[in-house]
């Protein structure tokens, strides 16, 4: 039988904290003061036993909670390690991105330079094309002048040579279009006249500079 409050506290101390012991002991002591029967004290002991069992189960739960916390900490440590690896990879990607940006900048600069070179080349090409066109005009003009000069020379000299060397009598010597209908060609000089009383229907020479004179 518990005789006083201190003895009740000593009984409760193994199963409860100091504050719980004081509170519970005081309550039980005040409750048990009027009780003198042994059966009632036995009921109190039974209550204390159940309280101790509850405390034991509480301790078991605390142990399980502690184990869960330990596993949670391990998982957290693994997550921290993964996060560190991710941060490292992000740093590497950032460095690679900066290098890519620098390469893109260099490529853009090179493209600008190439574009400028192409534009400059286009301007030079325009000048060359214009020069070639102008040269063609000049050469065409020279060719026409030469052809006209050769025609004039042939119309003057051929009759003279034929008359002096072979006794031809000149009727005409000038450019004419000869050939079938629809397929005529310009003959630079067509000579018409007589030789030894015989009519020369045509004596043509085709001038094709710079190939010379072809006579028929």
N, C-alpha and C. Protein backbone atom coordinates (compact mmCIF):
# COMPACT_ATOMS: atom_id res chain seq x y z
N UNK A 1 0.85 -1.19 0.00
CA UNK A 1 0.00 0.00 0.00
C UNK A 1 0.89 1.24 0.00
N UNK A 2 0.50 2.20 -0.80
CA UNK A 2 1.24 3.46 -0.87
C UNK A 2 0.74 4.34 0.28
N UNK A 3 1.69 4.76 1.12
CA UNK A 3 1.31 5.45 2.33
C UNK A 3 1.35 6.96 2.19
N UNK A 4 2.21 7.53 1.35
CA UNK A 4 2.28 8.99 1.24
C UNK A 4 2.58 9.39 -0.22
N UNK A 5 2.63 10.71 -0.46
CA UNK A 5 2.83 11.25 -1.82
C UNK A 5 4.20 10.92 -2.36
N UNK A 6 5.22 10.98 -1.56
CA UNK A 6 6.58 10.73 -2.02
C UNK A 6 6.74 9.29 -2.47
N UNK A 7 6.13 8.37 -1.73
CA UNK A 7 6.19 6.98 -2.12
C UNK A 7 5.47 6.76 -3.44
N UNK A 8 4.36 7.48 -3.62
CA UNK A 8 3.63 7.38 -4.89
C UNK A 8 4.48 7.92 -6.04
N UNK A 9 5.20 8.98 -5.78
CA UNK A 9 6.09 9.55 -6.82
C UNK A 9 7.18 8.56 -7.19
N UNK A 10 7.76 7.92 -6.17
CA UNK A 10 8.83 6.95 -6.45
C UNK A 10 8.30 5.79 -7.27
N UNK A 11 7.04 5.46 -7.03
CA UNK A 11 6.44 4.36 -7.79
C UNK A 11 6.25 4.75 -9.27
N UNK A 12 5.86 5.99 -9.49
CA UNK A 12 5.57 6.45 -10.86
C UNK A 12 6.81 6.86 -11.65
N UNK A 13 7.88 7.22 -10.99
CA UNK A 13 9.06 7.78 -11.67
C UNK A 13 9.64 6.88 -12.77
N UNK A 14 9.70 5.57 -12.65
CA UNK A 14 10.31 4.78 -13.73
C UNK A 14 9.54 4.86 -15.04
N UNK A 15 8.26 5.20 -14.99
CA UNK A 15 7.44 5.15 -16.20
C UNK A 15 7.10 6.52 -16.76
N UNK A 16 7.33 7.61 -15.99
CA UNK A 16 6.89 8.93 -16.45
C UNK A 16 8.01 9.96 -16.24
N UNK A 17 7.80 11.09 -16.90
CA UNK A 17 8.73 12.19 -16.68
C UNK A 17 8.46 12.81 -15.33
N UNK A 18 9.35 13.70 -14.91
CA UNK A 18 9.22 14.31 -13.58
C UNK A 18 7.91 15.10 -13.48
N UNK A 19 7.62 15.88 -14.54
CA UNK A 19 6.39 16.68 -14.49
C UNK A 19 5.17 15.78 -14.49
N UNK A 20 5.22 14.73 -15.37
CA UNK A 20 4.09 13.80 -15.40
C UNK A 20 3.95 13.08 -14.05
N UNK A 21 5.09 12.70 -13.48
CA UNK A 21 5.06 12.01 -12.18
C UNK A 21 4.43 12.87 -11.10
N UNK A 22 4.85 14.15 -11.04
CA UNK A 22 4.32 15.05 -10.02
C UNK A 22 2.83 15.25 -10.19
N UNK A 23 2.42 15.48 -11.45
CA UNK A 23 1.00 15.72 -11.70
C UNK A 23 0.16 14.48 -11.39
N UNK A 24 0.62 13.35 -11.89
CA UNK A 24 -0.14 12.12 -11.68
C UNK A 24 -0.14 11.69 -10.21
N UNK A 25 1.00 11.80 -9.56
CA UNK A 25 1.08 11.39 -8.16
C UNK A 25 0.19 12.25 -7.28
N UNK A 26 0.22 13.56 -7.56
CA UNK A 26 -0.62 14.46 -6.76
C UNK A 26 -2.09 14.11 -6.94
N UNK A 27 -2.48 13.88 -8.22
CA UNK A 27 -3.89 13.56 -8.49
C UNK A 27 -4.28 12.25 -7.82
N UNK A 28 -3.42 11.24 -7.96
CA UNK A 28 -3.74 9.94 -7.36
C UNK A 28 -3.75 10.01 -5.82
N UNK A 29 -2.81 10.75 -5.29
CA UNK A 29 -2.74 10.84 -3.84
C UNK A 29 -4.00 11.48 -3.26
N UNK A 30 -4.40 12.59 -3.91
CA UNK A 30 -5.61 13.25 -3.44
C UNK A 30 -6.82 12.35 -3.61
N UNK A 31 -6.80 11.59 -4.72
CA UNK A 31 -7.92 10.69 -4.97
C UNK A 31 -7.95 9.53 -3.96
N UNK A 32 -6.77 9.03 -3.60
CA UNK A 32 -6.68 7.82 -2.77
C UNK A 32 -6.73 8.11 -1.25
N UNK A 33 -6.65 9.37 -0.90
CA UNK A 33 -6.63 9.66 0.52
C UNK A 33 -7.83 9.06 1.28
N UNK A 34 -9.04 9.16 0.73
CA UNK A 34 -10.18 8.61 1.49
C UNK A 34 -10.28 7.10 1.39
N UNK A 35 -9.47 6.50 0.50
CA UNK A 35 -9.63 5.07 0.23
C UNK A 35 -8.68 4.29 1.12
N UNK A 36 -9.24 3.35 1.85
CA UNK A 36 -8.42 2.54 2.74
C UNK A 36 -8.53 1.07 2.43
N UNK A 37 -9.40 0.77 1.50
CA UNK A 37 -9.62 -0.64 1.22
C UNK A 37 -8.56 -1.14 0.26
N UNK A 38 -8.11 -2.34 0.49
CA UNK A 38 -7.06 -2.96 -0.32
C UNK A 38 -7.46 -3.10 -1.78
N UNK A 39 -8.70 -3.38 -2.06
CA UNK A 39 -9.16 -3.59 -3.42
C UNK A 39 -9.01 -2.33 -4.25
N UNK A 40 -9.27 -1.22 -3.64
CA UNK A 40 -9.13 0.05 -4.35
C UNK A 40 -7.67 0.34 -4.68
N UNK A 41 -6.76 -0.01 -3.72
CA UNK A 41 -5.33 0.18 -3.97
C UNK A 41 -4.87 -0.72 -5.10
N UNK A 42 -5.44 -1.92 -5.19
CA UNK A 42 -5.10 -2.83 -6.27
C UNK A 42 -5.53 -2.25 -7.60
N UNK A 43 -6.69 -1.60 -7.59
CA UNK A 43 -7.16 -0.97 -8.83
C UNK A 43 -6.21 0.14 -9.27
N UNK A 44 -5.70 0.85 -8.25
CA UNK A 44 -4.73 1.92 -8.58
C UNK A 44 -3.48 1.33 -9.20
N UNK A 45 -3.02 0.19 -8.61
CA UNK A 45 -1.82 -0.45 -9.16
C UNK A 45 -2.07 -0.92 -10.60
N UNK A 46 -3.28 -1.43 -10.82
CA UNK A 46 -3.62 -1.88 -12.18
C UNK A 46 -3.59 -0.70 -13.16
N UNK A 47 -4.11 0.41 -12.68
CA UNK A 47 -4.10 1.62 -13.51
C UNK A 47 -2.67 2.05 -13.82
N UNK A 48 -1.84 2.00 -12.79
CA UNK A 48 -0.43 2.36 -12.99
C UNK A 48 0.24 1.42 -13.97
N UNK A 49 -0.12 0.11 -13.89
CA UNK A 49 0.45 -0.87 -14.82
C UNK A 49 0.06 -0.57 -16.25
N UNK A 50 -1.22 -0.24 -16.43
CA UNK A 50 -1.65 0.09 -17.78
C UNK A 50 -0.94 1.35 -18.30
N UNK A 51 -0.77 2.30 -17.36
CA UNK A 51 -0.05 3.52 -17.74
C UNK A 51 1.38 3.20 -18.14
N UNK A 52 2.01 2.26 -17.41
CA UNK A 52 3.37 1.88 -17.76
C UNK A 52 3.41 1.19 -19.12
N UNK A 53 2.38 0.34 -19.39
CA UNK A 53 2.32 -0.34 -20.68
C UNK A 53 2.17 0.69 -21.81
N UNK A 54 1.31 1.68 -21.53
CA UNK A 54 1.14 2.74 -22.53
C UNK A 54 2.45 3.46 -22.78
N UNK A 55 3.21 3.69 -21.70
CA UNK A 55 4.50 4.35 -21.83
C UNK A 55 5.45 3.50 -22.67
N UNK A 56 5.39 2.13 -22.41
CA UNK A 56 6.25 1.25 -23.21
C UNK A 56 5.91 1.33 -24.69
N UNK A 57 4.61 1.31 -25.00
CA UNK A 57 4.21 1.41 -26.40
C UNK A 57 4.62 2.75 -26.99
N UNK A 58 4.53 3.79 -26.14
CA UNK A 58 4.96 5.12 -26.60
C UNK A 58 6.45 5.12 -26.94
N UNK A 59 7.23 4.44 -26.06
CA UNK A 59 8.67 4.34 -26.34
C UNK A 59 8.93 3.61 -27.65
N UNK A 60 8.17 2.53 -27.89
CA UNK A 60 8.33 1.79 -29.14
C UNK A 60 8.01 2.68 -30.34
N UNK A 61 6.93 3.44 -30.23
CA UNK A 61 6.58 4.35 -31.31
C UNK A 61 7.66 5.40 -31.54
N UNK A 62 8.21 5.89 -30.42
CA UNK A 62 9.28 6.87 -30.54
C UNK A 62 10.49 6.27 -31.24
N UNK A 63 10.77 4.99 -30.94
CA UNK A 63 11.89 4.32 -31.60
C UNK A 63 11.62 4.19 -33.10
N UNK A 64 10.36 3.79 -33.43
CA UNK A 64 10.02 3.69 -34.85
C UNK A 64 10.11 5.05 -35.55
N UNK A 65 9.64 6.09 -34.85
CA UNK A 65 9.71 7.45 -35.41
C UNK A 65 11.17 7.86 -35.62
N UNK A 66 12.01 7.50 -34.60
CA UNK A 66 13.43 7.82 -34.71
C UNK A 66 14.06 7.12 -35.91
N UNK A 67 13.69 5.82 -36.09
CA UNK A 67 14.22 5.07 -37.23
C UNK A 67 13.75 5.70 -38.55
N UNK A 68 12.47 6.12 -38.58
CA UNK A 68 11.94 6.78 -39.78
C UNK A 68 12.69 8.08 -40.06
N UNK A 69 12.97 8.82 -38.98
CA UNK A 69 13.74 10.07 -39.15
C UNK A 69 15.13 9.79 -39.69
N UNK A 70 15.74 8.69 -39.18
CA UNK A 70 17.08 8.33 -39.68
C UNK A 70 17.03 8.02 -41.17
N UNK A 71 16.01 7.23 -41.58
CA UNK A 71 15.88 6.92 -43.01
C UNK A 71 15.61 8.19 -43.82
N UNK A 72 14.80 9.09 -43.24
CA UNK A 72 14.52 10.36 -43.93
C UNK A 72 15.79 11.17 -44.12
N UNK A 73 16.63 11.18 -43.07
CA UNK A 73 17.90 11.90 -43.18
C UNK A 73 18.79 11.30 -44.25
N UNK A 74 18.79 9.95 -44.32
CA UNK A 74 19.59 9.30 -45.37
C UNK A 74 19.09 9.69 -46.76
N UNK A 75 17.76 9.67 -46.91
CA UNK A 75 17.19 10.08 -48.20
C UNK A 75 17.52 11.53 -48.51
N UNK A 76 17.45 12.37 -47.47
CA UNK A 76 17.78 13.78 -47.65
C UNK A 76 19.24 13.94 -48.07
N UNK A 77 20.12 13.13 -47.44
CA UNK A 77 21.54 13.19 -47.82
C UNK A 77 21.71 12.79 -49.27
N UNK A 78 20.98 11.71 -49.69
CA UNK A 78 21.09 11.29 -51.10
C UNK A 78 20.55 12.37 -52.03
N UNK A 79 19.43 12.99 -51.63
CA UNK A 79 18.88 14.06 -52.46
C UNK A 79 19.84 15.24 -52.54
N UNK A 80 20.50 15.52 -51.41
CA UNK A 80 21.48 16.61 -51.41
C UNK A 80 22.61 16.31 -52.38
N UNK A 81 23.09 15.05 -52.36
CA UNK A 81 24.16 14.66 -53.28
C UNK A 81 23.70 14.79 -54.74
N UNK A 82 22.46 14.34 -55.00
CA UNK A 82 21.92 14.47 -56.36
C UNK A 82 21.81 15.94 -56.76
N UNK A 83 21.34 16.76 -55.82
CA UNK A 83 21.22 18.19 -56.10
C UNK A 83 22.58 18.81 -56.41
N UNK A 84 23.61 18.39 -55.68
CA UNK A 84 24.96 18.91 -55.94
C UNK A 84 25.42 18.51 -57.34
N UNK A 85 25.13 17.23 -57.73
CA UNK A 85 25.53 16.80 -59.07
C UNK A 85 24.78 17.59 -60.14
N UNK A 86 23.48 17.86 -59.88
CA UNK A 86 22.69 18.64 -60.83
C UNK A 86 23.25 20.05 -60.96
N UNK A 87 23.60 20.65 -59.82
CA UNK A 87 24.17 22.00 -59.85
C UNK A 87 25.48 22.01 -60.63
N UNK A 88 26.31 20.97 -60.43
CA UNK A 88 27.56 20.87 -61.18
C UNK A 88 27.30 20.78 -62.68
N UNK A 89 26.31 19.95 -63.04
CA UNK A 89 25.97 19.82 -64.45
C UNK A 89 25.42 21.13 -65.01
N UNK A 90 24.61 21.83 -64.20
CA UNK A 90 24.10 23.12 -64.65
C UNK A 90 25.22 24.13 -64.87
N UNK A 91 26.21 24.08 -63.96
CA UNK A 91 27.37 24.96 -64.14
C UNK A 91 28.10 24.65 -65.44
N UNK A 92 28.27 23.35 -65.72
CA UNK A 92 28.93 22.96 -66.96
C UNK A 92 28.12 23.41 -68.17
N UNK A 93 26.78 23.24 -68.08
CA UNK A 93 25.93 23.67 -69.19
C UNK A 93 26.01 25.19 -69.37
N UNK A 94 26.09 25.92 -68.25
CA UNK A 94 26.20 27.37 -68.36
C UNK A 94 27.49 27.76 -69.07
N UNK A 95 28.60 27.08 -68.69
CA UNK A 95 29.89 27.35 -69.36
C UNK A 95 29.80 27.02 -70.84
N UNK A 96 29.20 25.85 -71.14
CA UNK A 96 29.05 25.46 -72.55
C UNK A 96 28.16 26.45 -73.29
N UNK A 97 27.11 26.93 -72.63
CA UNK A 97 26.24 27.92 -73.26
C UNK A 97 26.97 29.22 -73.57
N UNK A 98 27.83 29.65 -72.63
CA UNK A 98 28.60 30.86 -72.88
C UNK A 98 29.55 30.67 -74.06
N UNK A 99 30.20 29.50 -74.12
CA UNK A 99 31.09 29.21 -75.24
C UNK A 99 30.30 29.18 -76.55
N UNK A 100 29.10 28.58 -76.52
CA UNK A 100 28.26 28.55 -77.72
C UNK A 100 27.88 29.97 -78.14
N UNK A 101 27.56 30.81 -77.17
CA UNK A 101 27.22 32.19 -77.49
C UNK A 101 28.40 32.91 -78.13
N UNK A 102 29.61 32.66 -77.60
CA UNK A 102 30.80 33.29 -78.19
C UNK A 102 31.00 32.80 -79.62
N UNK A 103 30.81 31.49 -79.84
CA UNK A 103 30.95 30.96 -81.21
C UNK A 103 29.91 31.56 -82.14
N UNK A 104 28.67 31.69 -81.63
CA UNK A 104 27.62 32.29 -82.45
C UNK A 104 27.97 33.74 -82.80
N UNK A 105 28.52 34.46 -81.80
CA UNK A 105 28.92 35.84 -82.06
C UNK A 105 30.01 35.89 -83.13
N UNK A 106 31.01 34.96 -83.00
CA UNK A 106 32.08 34.94 -84.00
C UNK A 106 31.52 34.59 -85.37
N UNK A 107 30.57 33.64 -85.42
CA UNK A 107 29.96 33.25 -86.69
C UNK A 107 29.18 34.42 -87.28
N UNK A 108 28.46 35.14 -86.43
CA UNK A 108 27.70 36.29 -86.92
C UNK A 108 28.64 37.35 -87.50
N UNK A 109 29.78 37.57 -86.80
CA UNK A 109 30.77 38.53 -87.30
C UNK A 109 31.32 38.08 -88.64
N UNK A 110 31.63 36.76 -88.73
CA UNK A 110 32.14 36.22 -89.99
C UNK A 110 31.11 36.35 -91.11
N UNK A 111 29.83 36.11 -90.77
CA UNK A 111 28.77 36.24 -91.76
C UNK A 111 28.64 37.69 -92.24
N UNK A 112 28.76 38.63 -91.29
CA UNK A 112 28.71 40.03 -91.68
C UNK A 112 29.86 40.38 -92.61
N UNK A 113 31.05 39.88 -92.26
CA UNK A 113 32.21 40.12 -93.12
C UNK A 113 32.01 39.49 -94.49
N UNK A 114 31.49 38.24 -94.50
CA UNK A 114 31.24 37.57 -95.78
C UNK A 114 30.20 38.32 -96.60
N UNK A 115 29.15 38.79 -95.92
CA UNK A 115 28.11 39.55 -96.62
C UNK A 115 28.70 40.81 -97.24
N UNK A 116 29.57 41.48 -96.47
CA UNK A 116 30.21 42.69 -97.00
C UNK A 116 31.08 42.34 -98.21
N UNK A 117 31.83 41.21 -98.11
CA UNK A 117 32.67 40.79 -99.25
C UNK A 117 31.80 40.48 -100.46
N UNK A 118 30.66 39.79 -100.23
CA UNK A 118 29.77 39.44 -101.34
C UNK A 118 29.20 40.71 -101.98
N UNK A 119 28.80 41.67 -101.14
CA UNK A 119 28.27 42.92 -101.69
C UNK A 119 29.34 43.64 -102.50
N UNK A 120 30.57 43.65 -101.96
CA UNK A 120 31.67 44.29 -102.69
C UNK A 120 31.92 43.57 -104.00
N UNK A 121 31.91 42.22 -103.95
CA UNK A 121 32.10 41.43 -105.18
C UNK A 121 30.98 41.69 -106.17
N UNK A 122 29.75 41.84 -105.65
CA UNK A 122 28.62 42.14 -106.54
C UNK A 122 28.82 43.47 -107.24
N UNK A 123 29.31 44.46 -106.49
CA UNK A 123 29.57 45.76 -107.10
C UNK A 123 30.64 45.65 -108.17
N UNK A 124 31.71 44.88 -107.85
CA UNK A 124 32.79 44.70 -108.84
C UNK A 124 32.24 43.98 -110.07
N UNK A 125 31.38 42.95 -109.81
CA UNK A 125 30.80 42.20 -110.93
C UNK A 125 29.96 43.10 -111.82
N UNK A 126 29.17 43.98 -111.18
CA UNK A 126 28.37 44.92 -111.96
C UNK A 126 29.27 45.79 -112.84
N UNK A 127 30.38 46.26 -112.23
CA UNK A 127 31.29 47.09 -113.00
C UNK A 127 31.91 46.31 -114.15
N UNK A 128 32.28 45.02 -113.86
CA UNK A 128 32.86 44.20 -114.92
C UNK A 128 31.85 43.95 -116.04
N UNK A 129 30.60 43.61 -115.64
CA UNK A 129 29.56 43.37 -116.64
C UNK A 129 29.32 44.61 -117.47
N UNK A 130 29.24 45.75 -116.77
CA UNK A 130 29.06 47.01 -117.51
C UNK A 130 30.23 47.25 -118.44
N UNK A 131 31.46 46.97 -117.95
CA UNK A 131 32.64 47.16 -118.79
C UNK A 131 32.63 46.24 -120.01
N UNK A 132 32.21 44.96 -119.76
CA UNK A 132 32.14 44.01 -120.88
C UNK A 132 31.11 44.48 -121.90
N UNK A 133 29.94 44.94 -121.40
CA UNK A 133 28.91 45.45 -122.32
C UNK A 133 29.42 46.63 -123.12
N UNK A 134 30.12 47.54 -122.42
CA UNK A 134 30.67 48.71 -123.11
C UNK A 134 31.72 48.28 -124.12
N UNK A 135 32.55 47.29 -123.70
CA UNK A 135 33.59 46.79 -124.62
C UNK A 135 32.96 46.16 -125.85
N UNK A 136 31.87 45.39 -125.62
CA UNK A 136 31.18 44.78 -126.76
C UNK A 136 30.67 45.85 -127.72
N UNK A 137 30.10 46.90 -127.13
CA UNK A 137 29.63 47.99 -127.98
C UNK A 137 30.78 48.59 -128.78
N UNK A 138 31.91 48.80 -128.07
CA UNK A 138 33.05 49.39 -128.76
C UNK A 138 33.57 48.46 -129.86
N UNK A 139 33.71 47.15 -129.50
CA UNK A 139 34.19 46.19 -130.50
C UNK A 139 33.21 46.08 -131.65
N UNK A 140 31.89 46.08 -131.29
CA UNK A 140 30.89 46.04 -132.35
C UNK A 140 31.00 47.24 -133.27
N UNK A 141 31.21 48.40 -132.67
CA UNK A 141 31.37 49.60 -133.49
C UNK A 141 32.61 49.53 -134.36
N UNK A 142 33.71 49.01 -133.77
CA UNK A 142 34.94 48.87 -134.56
C UNK A 142 34.74 47.88 -135.69
N UNK A 143 34.05 46.75 -135.35
CA UNK A 143 33.80 45.73 -136.39
C UNK A 143 32.99 46.29 -137.53
N UNK A 144 31.94 47.03 -137.16
CA UNK A 144 31.11 47.64 -138.22
C UNK A 144 31.94 48.60 -139.06
N UNK A 145 32.76 49.40 -138.39
CA UNK A 145 33.60 50.35 -139.12
C UNK A 145 34.56 49.64 -140.05
N UNK A 146 35.18 48.53 -139.50
CA UNK A 146 36.11 47.78 -140.33
C UNK A 146 35.40 47.14 -141.51
N UNK A 147 34.22 46.51 -141.22
CA UNK A 147 33.47 45.88 -142.30
C UNK A 147 33.08 46.90 -143.37
N UNK A 148 32.60 48.03 -142.89
CA UNK A 148 32.20 49.06 -143.86
C UNK A 148 33.41 49.55 -144.65
N UNK A 149 34.54 49.70 -143.95
CA UNK A 149 35.75 50.12 -144.66
C UNK A 149 36.21 49.11 -145.69
N UNK A 150 36.12 47.80 -145.29
CA UNK A 150 36.51 46.74 -146.22
C UNK A 150 35.56 46.67 -147.41
N UNK A 151 34.25 46.84 -147.14
CA UNK A 151 33.29 46.85 -148.24
C UNK A 151 33.59 47.98 -149.21
N UNK A 152 33.82 49.15 -148.62
CA UNK A 152 34.11 50.30 -149.50
C UNK A 152 35.40 50.07 -150.28
N UNK A 153 36.40 49.52 -149.58
CA UNK A 153 37.68 49.23 -150.27
C UNK A 153 37.48 48.20 -151.38
N UNK A 154 36.71 47.11 -151.08
CA UNK A 154 36.49 46.07 -152.08
C UNK A 154 35.70 46.60 -153.27
N UNK A 155 34.64 47.41 -152.99
CA UNK A 155 33.85 47.95 -154.10
C UNK A 155 34.68 48.87 -154.98
N UNK A 156 35.74 49.44 -154.41
CA UNK A 156 36.60 50.33 -155.20
C UNK A 156 37.72 49.58 -155.89
N UNK A 157 38.38 48.64 -155.17
CA UNK A 157 39.58 48.02 -155.70
C UNK A 157 39.29 46.84 -156.61
N UNK A 158 38.25 46.04 -156.30
CA UNK A 158 38.00 44.84 -157.10
C UNK A 158 37.73 45.21 -158.57
N UNK A 159 36.84 46.16 -158.84
CA UNK A 159 36.64 46.52 -160.25
C UNK A 159 37.92 47.01 -160.91
N UNK A 160 38.69 47.79 -160.17
CA UNK A 160 39.93 48.31 -160.74
C UNK A 160 40.89 47.18 -161.08
N UNK A 161 41.06 46.21 -160.15
CA UNK A 161 41.97 45.10 -160.39
C UNK A 161 41.48 44.24 -161.56
N UNK A 162 40.19 43.95 -161.62
CA UNK A 162 39.65 43.13 -162.70
C UNK A 162 39.79 43.83 -164.05
N UNK A 163 39.59 45.11 -164.03
CA UNK A 163 39.73 45.85 -165.29
C UNK A 163 41.19 45.90 -165.74
N UNK A 164 42.11 46.19 -164.79
CA UNK A 164 43.51 46.34 -165.15
C UNK A 164 44.17 45.00 -165.48
N UNK A 165 43.88 43.97 -164.73
CA UNK A 165 44.58 42.70 -164.87
C UNK A 165 43.93 41.79 -165.91
N UNK A 166 42.60 41.83 -166.04
CA UNK A 166 41.93 40.86 -166.88
C UNK A 166 41.05 41.49 -167.98
N UNK A 167 40.97 42.79 -167.99
CA UNK A 167 40.19 43.45 -169.04
C UNK A 167 38.71 43.39 -168.85
N UNK A 168 38.25 43.27 -167.61
CA UNK A 168 36.82 43.26 -167.33
C UNK A 168 36.25 44.66 -167.54
N UNK A 169 34.99 44.70 -167.97
CA UNK A 169 34.25 45.95 -168.08
C UNK A 169 33.19 45.97 -166.97
N UNK A 170 33.37 46.87 -166.03
CA UNK A 170 32.52 46.88 -164.83
C UNK A 170 31.18 47.52 -165.10
N UNK A 171 30.12 46.82 -164.60
CA UNK A 171 28.77 47.39 -164.62
C UNK A 171 28.39 47.87 -163.23
N UNK A 172 28.64 47.03 -162.22
CA UNK A 172 28.36 47.41 -160.84
C UNK A 172 29.18 46.56 -159.88
N UNK A 173 29.40 47.07 -158.71
CA UNK A 173 30.08 46.34 -157.63
C UNK A 173 29.56 46.89 -156.31
N UNK A 174 28.65 46.14 -155.66
CA UNK A 174 28.00 46.63 -154.45
C UNK A 174 27.43 45.45 -153.65
N UNK A 175 27.04 45.69 -152.39
CA UNK A 175 26.44 44.62 -151.60
C UNK A 175 25.08 44.24 -152.17
N UNK A 176 24.76 42.92 -152.12
CA UNK A 176 23.47 42.43 -152.56
C UNK A 176 23.06 41.25 -151.69
N UNK A 177 21.75 40.98 -151.65
CA UNK A 177 21.23 39.80 -150.98
C UNK A 177 20.98 38.74 -152.03
N UNK A 178 21.63 37.57 -151.86
CA UNK A 178 21.52 36.49 -152.82
C UNK A 178 21.07 35.22 -152.12
N UNK A 179 20.41 34.33 -152.84
CA UNK A 179 20.00 33.06 -152.30
C UNK A 179 18.54 32.81 -152.54
N UNK A 180 18.06 31.59 -152.19
CA UNK A 180 16.65 31.26 -152.39
C UNK A 180 15.77 32.14 -151.52
N UNK A 181 14.49 32.21 -151.90
CA UNK A 181 13.54 33.00 -151.10
C UNK A 181 13.47 32.47 -149.68
N UNK A 182 13.53 33.36 -148.76
CA UNK A 182 13.45 32.97 -147.36
C UNK A 182 14.78 32.53 -146.77
N UNK A 183 15.82 32.40 -147.57
CA UNK A 183 17.13 31.98 -147.06
C UNK A 183 18.22 32.80 -147.73
N UNK A 184 17.98 34.09 -147.86
CA UNK A 184 18.95 34.96 -148.51
C UNK A 184 20.03 35.36 -147.53
N UNK A 185 21.20 35.61 -148.05
CA UNK A 185 22.34 36.07 -147.27
C UNK A 185 22.91 37.30 -147.93
N UNK A 186 23.43 38.19 -147.10
CA UNK A 186 24.01 39.41 -147.66
C UNK A 186 25.42 39.12 -148.13
N UNK A 187 25.68 39.41 -149.41
CA UNK A 187 27.02 39.32 -149.99
C UNK A 187 27.58 40.72 -149.97
N UNK A 188 28.75 40.82 -149.37
CA UNK A 188 29.31 42.16 -149.16
C UNK A 188 29.55 42.90 -150.47
N UNK A 189 30.07 42.21 -151.45
CA UNK A 189 30.32 42.85 -152.76
C UNK A 189 29.95 41.88 -153.87
N UNK A 190 29.04 42.27 -154.73
CA UNK A 190 28.68 41.48 -155.91
C UNK A 190 29.13 42.27 -157.15
N UNK A 191 29.98 41.63 -157.91
CA UNK A 191 30.52 42.31 -159.11
C UNK A 191 29.72 41.86 -160.34
N UNK A 192 29.30 42.83 -161.12
CA UNK A 192 28.60 42.56 -162.38
C UNK A 192 29.28 43.36 -163.50
N UNK A 193 29.52 42.67 -164.66
CA UNK A 193 30.14 43.35 -165.81
C UNK A 193 30.31 42.43 -167.00
N UNK A 194 31.29 42.74 -167.91
CA UNK A 194 31.56 41.95 -169.10
C UNK A 194 33.03 41.60 -169.17
N UNK A 195 33.29 40.46 -169.85
CA UNK A 195 34.68 40.04 -170.07
C UNK A 195 34.77 39.41 -171.46
N UNK A 196 35.61 40.06 -172.31
CA UNK A 196 35.78 39.62 -173.69
C UNK A 196 34.44 39.50 -174.40
N UNK A 197 33.61 40.50 -174.16
CA UNK A 197 32.31 40.57 -174.80
C UNK A 197 31.26 39.68 -174.18
N UNK A 198 31.65 38.87 -173.20
CA UNK A 198 30.70 37.95 -172.57
C UNK A 198 30.21 38.59 -171.27
N UNK A 199 28.90 38.51 -171.10
CA UNK A 199 28.28 39.12 -169.91
C UNK A 199 28.61 38.27 -168.68
N UNK A 200 29.14 38.94 -167.71
CA UNK A 200 29.40 38.28 -166.43
C UNK A 200 28.17 38.50 -165.56
N UNK A 201 27.44 37.39 -165.35
CA UNK A 201 26.20 37.51 -164.58
C UNK A 201 26.48 38.01 -163.16
N UNK A 202 27.48 37.42 -162.51
CA UNK A 202 27.82 37.88 -161.17
C UNK A 202 29.21 37.39 -160.80
N UNK A 203 29.89 38.21 -160.16
CA UNK A 203 31.17 37.84 -159.59
C UNK A 203 31.14 38.36 -158.16
N UNK A 204 30.94 37.46 -157.26
CA UNK A 204 30.71 37.88 -155.87
C UNK A 204 31.92 37.60 -155.01
N UNK A 205 32.18 38.46 -154.09
CA UNK A 205 33.20 38.19 -153.06
C UNK A 205 32.56 38.45 -151.71
N UNK A 206 32.74 37.49 -150.83
CA UNK A 206 32.18 37.59 -149.48
C UNK A 206 33.30 38.04 -148.55
N UNK A 207 33.12 39.16 -147.89
CA UNK A 207 34.11 39.67 -146.95
C UNK A 207 33.75 39.18 -145.55
N UNK A 208 34.65 38.48 -144.95
CA UNK A 208 34.40 38.00 -143.59
C UNK A 208 35.63 38.30 -142.76
N UNK A 209 35.69 39.48 -142.18
CA UNK A 209 36.85 39.90 -141.39
C UNK A 209 36.98 39.02 -140.16
N UNK A 210 38.19 38.43 -139.87
CA UNK A 210 39.45 38.72 -140.55
C UNK A 210 39.86 37.61 -141.47
N UNK A 211 38.90 36.82 -142.07
CA UNK A 211 39.27 35.66 -142.86
C UNK A 211 39.68 36.00 -144.26
N UNK A 212 39.43 37.19 -144.72
CA UNK A 212 39.88 37.59 -146.06
C UNK A 212 38.77 37.59 -147.07
N UNK A 213 39.13 37.37 -148.35
CA UNK A 213 38.17 37.47 -149.44
C UNK A 213 38.00 36.10 -150.07
N UNK A 214 36.74 35.72 -150.30
CA UNK A 214 36.43 34.47 -151.00
C UNK A 214 35.70 34.88 -152.26
N UNK A 215 36.16 34.42 -153.41
CA UNK A 215 35.54 34.84 -154.69
C UNK A 215 34.94 33.67 -155.36
N UNK A 216 33.86 33.94 -156.13
CA UNK A 216 33.27 32.90 -156.96
C UNK A 216 32.81 33.53 -158.26
